Protein backbone atom coordinates (compact mmCIF):
# COMPACT_ATOMS: atom_id res chain seq x y z
CA MET A 1 19.41 -6.53 5.71
CA ASP A 2 16.84 -3.33 5.54
CA LEU A 3 13.40 -3.34 6.87
CA VAL A 4 12.40 -4.06 3.32
CA GLU A 5 14.27 -6.84 2.41
CA ARG A 6 13.23 -8.51 5.64
CA ALA A 7 9.69 -8.02 5.06
CA PHE A 8 10.38 -9.49 1.42
CA SER A 9 11.93 -12.38 3.06
CA LYS A 10 9.41 -12.88 5.39
CA VAL A 11 6.16 -12.40 3.42
CA ASP A 12 5.48 -15.14 0.33
CA ARG A 13 4.28 -13.54 -2.70
CA GLN A 14 2.43 -16.89 -3.23
CA ASN A 15 -0.05 -16.45 0.09
CA PHE A 16 -1.85 -13.29 -1.59
CA VAL A 17 -2.18 -14.47 -5.36
CA PRO A 18 -5.46 -16.42 -6.16
CA GLU A 19 -4.78 -20.11 -6.12
CA SER A 20 -4.71 -20.72 -9.96
CA LEU A 21 -2.26 -18.17 -10.24
CA ARG A 22 0.40 -19.44 -7.18
CA ASP A 23 2.92 -20.84 -10.17
CA GLN A 24 3.54 -17.29 -11.27
CA ALA A 25 3.78 -15.96 -8.60
CA TYR A 26 7.27 -15.44 -7.67
CA ILE A 27 7.50 -14.30 -11.44
CA ASP A 28 7.91 -10.10 -11.82
CA THR A 29 5.17 -9.10 -13.29
CA PRO A 30 1.62 -7.97 -11.89
CA LEU A 31 -0.89 -11.02 -11.70
CA SER A 32 -4.94 -10.54 -11.96
CA ILE A 33 -6.38 -11.14 -8.35
CA GLY A 34 -9.89 -10.54 -9.77
CA PHE A 35 -12.81 -7.32 -10.50
CA GLY A 36 -10.09 -5.74 -12.54
CA GLN A 37 -7.20 -5.24 -9.91
CA THR A 38 -3.92 -7.03 -9.70
CA ILE A 39 -0.84 -7.47 -6.97
CA SER A 40 1.41 -5.45 -8.18
CA GLN A 41 5.25 -6.47 -9.71
CA PRO A 42 7.35 -7.43 -7.01
CA SER A 43 9.82 -5.03 -8.42
CA THR A 44 8.05 -2.25 -8.24
CA VAL A 45 6.69 -2.79 -4.66
CA LYS A 46 9.89 -2.92 -3.44
CA LEU A 47 10.59 0.60 -4.86
CA MET A 48 7.74 2.06 -3.50
CA LEU A 49 8.48 0.51 -0.13
CA LYS A 50 11.88 1.84 -0.18
CA TRP A 51 10.56 5.37 -1.23
CA LEU A 52 7.84 5.42 1.54
CA ASP A 53 11.11 4.95 3.90
CA THR A 54 8.48 3.23 6.94
CA GLN A 55 10.33 3.06 9.99
CA SER A 56 9.28 0.35 13.04
CA ASP A 57 6.64 1.23 15.39
CA GLY A 58 5.17 3.66 12.39
CA LYS A 59 1.11 3.84 11.76
CA VAL A 60 0.54 3.47 8.42
CA LEU A 61 -2.27 3.96 5.70
CA ASP A 62 -2.25 1.10 2.79
CA VAL A 63 -4.82 2.69 0.26
CA GLY A 64 -5.94 -0.42 -2.89
CA SER A 65 -4.84 -3.05 -0.32
CA GLY A 66 -5.73 -5.41 -2.93
CA SER A 67 -5.20 -9.24 -1.92
CA GLY A 68 -3.40 -7.67 1.33
CA TRP A 69 0.25 -8.44 0.15
CA THR A 70 1.29 -4.82 0.70
CA THR A 71 -0.53 -4.65 3.90
CA ALA A 72 1.41 -7.86 5.11
CA LEU A 73 5.02 -6.33 3.39
CA LEU A 74 4.14 -3.02 5.68
CA SER A 75 3.24 -4.78 9.02
CA GLN A 76 6.34 -6.77 8.92
CA ILE A 77 8.31 -3.07 8.69
CA VAL A 78 6.52 -1.62 11.52
CA GLY A 79 6.75 -4.21 13.54
CA LEU A 80 4.82 -5.54 16.53
CA HIS A 81 4.42 -2.52 18.22
CA GLY A 82 3.55 -0.55 14.41
CA LYS A 83 -0.52 -0.37 12.77
CA VAL A 84 -1.49 -0.71 9.37
CA LEU A 85 -4.43 0.39 8.35
CA ALA A 86 -5.37 -1.25 5.03
CA VAL A 87 -8.40 0.56 2.37
CA GLU A 88 -9.82 -1.30 -0.34
CA ARG A 89 -13.19 -0.15 -2.69
CA ILE A 90 -13.75 -3.98 -3.74
CA PRO A 91 -15.75 -5.33 -0.48
CA GLU A 92 -14.72 -9.21 -1.73
CA LEU A 93 -10.78 -7.95 -1.81
CA VAL A 94 -11.30 -6.34 1.23
CA LYS A 95 -12.45 -9.84 2.60
CA PHE A 96 -9.42 -11.94 0.63
CA GLY A 97 -6.64 -9.22 1.96
CA ARG A 98 -8.24 -9.93 5.61
CA ASP A 99 -8.30 -13.51 5.00
CA ASN A 100 -4.85 -13.76 3.31
CA CYS A 101 -3.43 -11.57 6.31
CA GLU A 102 -5.46 -13.82 9.26
CA SER A 103 -4.04 -16.96 7.49
CA LEU A 104 -0.43 -16.05 8.25
CA GLY A 105 -1.31 -14.95 11.71
CA ILE A 106 -0.46 -10.93 11.05
CA LYS A 107 -1.85 -9.26 14.13
CA ASN A 108 -0.76 -5.84 13.62
CA VAL A 109 -3.39 -4.79 10.77
CA GLU A 110 -6.72 -3.86 10.45
CA PHE A 111 -8.98 -3.50 7.12
CA PHE A 112 -11.74 -1.36 6.13
CA GLN A 113 -14.13 -1.08 3.09
CA ALA A 114 -13.48 2.20 1.43
CA GLY A 115 -16.24 5.30 1.71
CA LYS A 116 -16.51 7.95 -0.68
CA GLU A 117 -13.24 9.65 0.60
CA TYR A 118 -9.93 9.01 -0.19
CA GLY A 119 -7.79 7.98 2.46
CA LEU A 120 -9.36 7.07 6.13
CA SER A 121 -9.49 10.36 8.11
CA LYS A 122 -10.75 8.88 10.91
CA TYR A 123 -7.92 7.40 12.18
CA ALA A 124 -5.37 10.50 10.83
CA PRO A 125 -2.69 11.05 11.04
CA TYR A 126 -0.31 8.77 9.41
CA ASP A 127 3.25 8.74 9.44
CA ARG A 128 3.10 7.22 6.42
CA VAL A 129 0.36 6.41 3.16
CA LEU A 130 1.06 3.88 0.54
CA VAL A 131 -1.23 3.94 -2.68
CA SER A 132 -1.03 1.12 -5.10
CA ALA A 133 -3.43 2.12 -8.13
CA ALA A 134 -2.93 5.38 -9.82
CA ALA A 135 -4.62 8.67 -9.28
CA LYS A 136 -5.65 10.19 -12.22
CA LYS A 137 -4.56 13.55 -10.14
CA LEU A 138 -2.98 13.83 -6.84
CA GLN A 139 -5.70 13.39 -3.67
CA GLN A 140 -5.04 16.16 -1.16
CA GLU A 141 -6.83 14.54 1.20
CA LEU A 142 -4.20 12.26 1.54
CA ILE A 143 -1.61 14.74 2.28
CA THR A 144 -3.47 16.38 4.78
CA GLN A 145 -3.66 12.65 6.62
CA LEU A 146 -0.09 13.13 7.12
CA LYS A 147 1.78 14.39 9.91
CA ILE A 148 4.21 16.67 9.48
CA GLY A 149 7.10 14.94 8.05
CA GLY A 150 5.36 12.07 7.01
CA LYS A 151 5.38 10.64 3.60
CA LEU A 152 3.17 9.42 0.43
CA VAL A 153 3.42 7.50 -2.05
CA ILE A 154 1.21 7.27 -4.85
CA PRO A 155 1.19 6.07 -8.26
CA VAL A 156 -0.08 9.60 -10.80
CA GLN A 157 -1.03 8.52 -14.00
CA ASN A 158 2.75 7.55 -15.35
CA ASP A 159 4.56 8.76 -12.73
CA ILE A 160 5.02 7.27 -8.97
CA LEU A 161 5.08 10.67 -6.66
CA GLU A 162 7.43 10.24 -3.43
CA ILE A 163 5.95 13.16 -1.03
CA THR A 164 6.82 14.78 2.14
CA ARG A 165 4.35 16.83 4.04
CA THR A 166 6.52 19.76 5.17
CA SER A 167 4.13 21.73 7.03
CA ASP A 168 0.32 22.01 7.53
CA ASN A 169 0.39 23.82 4.12
CA ASP A 170 3.53 22.47 2.06
CA TYR A 171 5.10 19.38 0.90
CA LYS A 172 8.12 18.44 -1.42
CA THR A 173 7.35 15.88 -4.04
CA ILE A 174 9.89 13.46 -6.11
CA THR A 175 8.89 12.49 -9.22
CA HIS A 176 9.79 8.73 -10.51
CA SER A 177 8.20 8.23 -14.06
CA GLY A 178 8.07 5.20 -16.23
CA PHE A 179 5.16 2.96 -14.49
CA ILE A 180 1.76 1.62 -15.43
CA PHE A 181 -1.10 0.79 -12.41
CA VAL A 182 -4.68 -0.36 -12.35
CA PRO A 183 -6.66 2.74 -11.73
CA LEU A 184 -7.44 4.11 -8.61
CA ILE A 185 -11.36 3.19 -8.23
CA GLY A 186 -13.59 6.05 -7.40
CA GLN A 187 -12.14 8.77 -9.75
């Protein structure tokens, strides 16, 4: 079983949806978590995590962490010696995500209230950056927060871009089309 499959088997989505929607947690569809935000469709999250290709012991930034589900999945993938930093703009969702992860005893994650910048440059560089909401355009500052060889997976409009930083000034992009996400706040 690969790291993504193992994470999905260990992290129950039901623990990251509002109580009123728990009976729908296993449906392959996005669900509302309030504040105009959603917990993404499981099949899409699985694809994004496979494209992100996170390794054990990695340092990962989770942008738009919402309910903390992707943060918890990433924490399983990076393992005890890895670290996940989660950033969210909506204060109530920062608390919701943090509380959800803490209630499951997840120790290798840290949640932050997002500021005006995209990402969290204070703790950069990262091995991987995952964005879980659609940007109107590619956010270059997220690429600069990657290590050389690091990877960013970000929805931009109706595509998911898989970006690998190849040098200080260059990166290569693979485009996966046909997706819909809630908008990235602050654009």
